[in-house]
Amino acid sequence: MPKNLIIHNLEVRLQVDGDDGAVFTRLFNKHIQAWARLYEQECARQKHSDSERRLGDMEDHR
């Protein structure tokens, strides 16, 4: 399970009305938080799956 994520290249283009910086910050935060939630859920599912697999392996060796 990866613990680190490195983004080597990220290009974002927005065309918005008003304060571009504020709009970008709001949208970026909204979407990065959603991505982080999904990533954490996937990591938890993977950890649970690995744990279940180990339990099954221990039962096979009895």
C-alpha atoms as a PDB file:
ATOM      1  CA  MET A   1       0.000   0.000   0.000  1.00  0.00           C
ATOM      2  CA  PRO A   2       1.646   3.268  -1.085  1.00  0.00           C
ATOM      3  CA  LYS A   3       2.197   5.753   1.692  1.00  0.00           C
ATOM      4  CA  ASN A   4       3.602   8.578  -0.421  1.00  0.00           C
ATOM      5  CA  LEU A   5       2.408  10.163  -3.602  1.00  0.00           C
ATOM      6  CA  ILE A   6       4.700  12.290  -5.708  1.00  0.00           C
ATOM      7  CA  ILE A   7       3.248  14.427  -8.466  1.00  0.00           C
ATOM      8  CA  HIS A   8       6.001  15.215 -10.922  1.00  0.00           C
ATOM      9  CA  ASN A   9       3.995  17.354 -13.283  1.00  0.00           C
ATOM     10  CA  LEU A  10       0.667  19.076 -12.701  1.00  0.00           C
ATOM     11  CA  GLU A  11      -0.832  21.529 -15.130  1.00  0.00           C
ATOM     12  CA  VAL A  12      -4.132  23.213 -14.372  1.00  0.00           C
ATOM     13  CA  ARG A  13      -5.902  25.701 -16.617  1.00  0.00           C
ATOM     14  CA  LEU A  14      -8.966  27.584 -15.483  1.00  0.00           C
ATOM     15  CA  GLN A  15     -10.921  30.283 -17.174  1.00  0.00           C
ATOM     16  CA  VAL A  16     -13.146  31.982 -14.625  1.00  0.00           C
ATOM     17  CA  ASP A  17     -14.778  35.313 -13.941  1.00  0.00           C
ATOM     18  CA  GLY A  18     -13.789  37.300 -10.877  1.00  0.00           C
ATOM     19  CA  ASP A  19     -10.819  36.665  -8.628  1.00  0.00           C
ATOM     20  CA  ASP A  20      -9.001  33.821 -10.398  1.00  0.00           C
ATOM     21  CA  GLY A  21      -6.803  33.024  -7.410  1.00  0.00           C
ATOM     22  CA  ALA A  22      -9.713  32.677  -4.998  1.00  0.00           C
ATOM     23  CA  VAL A  23     -11.733  30.571  -7.431  1.00  0.00           C
ATOM     24  CA  PHE A  24      -8.751  28.315  -8.130  1.00  0.00           C
ATOM     25  CA  THR A  25      -8.054  27.899  -4.415  1.00  0.00           C
ATOM     26  CA  ARG A  26     -11.684  27.035  -3.656  1.00  0.00           C
ATOM     27  CA  LEU A  27     -11.956  24.524  -6.517  1.00  0.00           C
ATOM     28  CA  PHE A  28      -8.555  22.989  -5.818  1.00  0.00           C
ATOM     29  CA  ASN A  29      -9.330  22.536  -2.115  1.00  0.00           C
ATOM     30  CA  LYS A  30     -12.745  21.055  -2.885  1.00  0.00           C
ATOM     31  CA  HIS A  31     -11.364  18.519  -5.338  1.00  0.00           C
ATOM     32  CA  ILE A  32      -8.154  17.657  -3.495  1.00  0.00           C
ATOM     33  CA  GLN A  33     -10.176  16.981  -0.341  1.00  0.00           C
ATOM     34  CA  ALA A  34     -12.555  14.728  -2.290  1.00  0.00           C
ATOM     35  CA  TRP A  35      -9.580  12.913  -3.828  1.00  0.00           C
ATOM     36  CA  ALA A  36      -7.926  12.527  -0.417  1.00  0.00           C
ATOM     37  CA  ARG A  37     -11.123  11.059   1.066  1.00  0.00           C
ATOM     38  CA  LEU A  38     -11.383   8.530  -1.766  1.00  0.00           C
ATOM     39  CA  TYR A  39      -7.689   7.675  -1.471  1.00  0.00           C
ATOM     40  CA  GLU A  40      -7.992   7.124   2.296  1.00  0.00           C
ATOM     41  CA  GLN A  41     -11.057   4.920   1.771  1.00  0.00           C
ATOM     42  CA  GLU A  42      -9.200   2.847  -0.828  1.00  0.00           C
ATOM     43  CA  CYS A  43      -6.204   2.467   1.505  1.00  0.00           C
ATOM     44  CA  ALA A  44      -8.532   1.337   4.313  1.00  0.00           C
ATOM     45  CA  ARG A  45     -10.216  -1.184   1.988  1.00  0.00           C
ATOM     46  CA  GLN A  46      -6.812  -2.504   0.920  1.00  0.00           C
ATOM     47  CA  LYS A  47      -5.648  -2.790   4.534  1.00  0.00           C
ATOM     48  CA  HIS A  48      -8.842  -4.652   5.473  1.00  0.00           C
ATOM     49  CA  SER A  49      -8.470  -6.943   2.457  1.00  0.00           C
ATOM     50  CA  ASP A  50      -4.827  -7.682   3.337  1.00  0.00           C
ATOM     51  CA  SER A  51      -5.848  -8.410   6.924  1.00  0.00           C
ATOM     52  CA  GLU A  52      -8.599 -10.803   5.780  1.00  0.00           C
ATOM     53  CA  ARG A  53      -6.145 -12.544   3.455  1.00  0.00           C
ATOM     54  CA  ARG A  54      -3.651 -13.044   6.297  1.00  0.00           C
ATOM     55  CA  LEU A  55      -6.373 -14.550   8.495  1.00  0.00           C
ATOM     56  CA  GLY A  56      -7.254 -16.966   5.697  1.00  0.00           C
ATOM     57  CA  ASP A  57      -3.594 -17.916   5.276  1.00  0.00           C
ATOM     58  CA  MET A  58      -3.258 -18.640   9.002  1.00  0.00           C
ATOM     59  CA  GLU A  59      -6.288 -20.966   8.887  1.00  0.00           C
ATOM     60  CA  ASP A  60      -4.797 -22.878   5.941  1.00  0.00           C
ATOM     61  CA  HIS A  61      -1.619 -23.639   7.915  1.00  0.00           C
ATOM     62  CA  ARG A  62      -3.390 -25.223  10.884  1.00  0.00           C
END
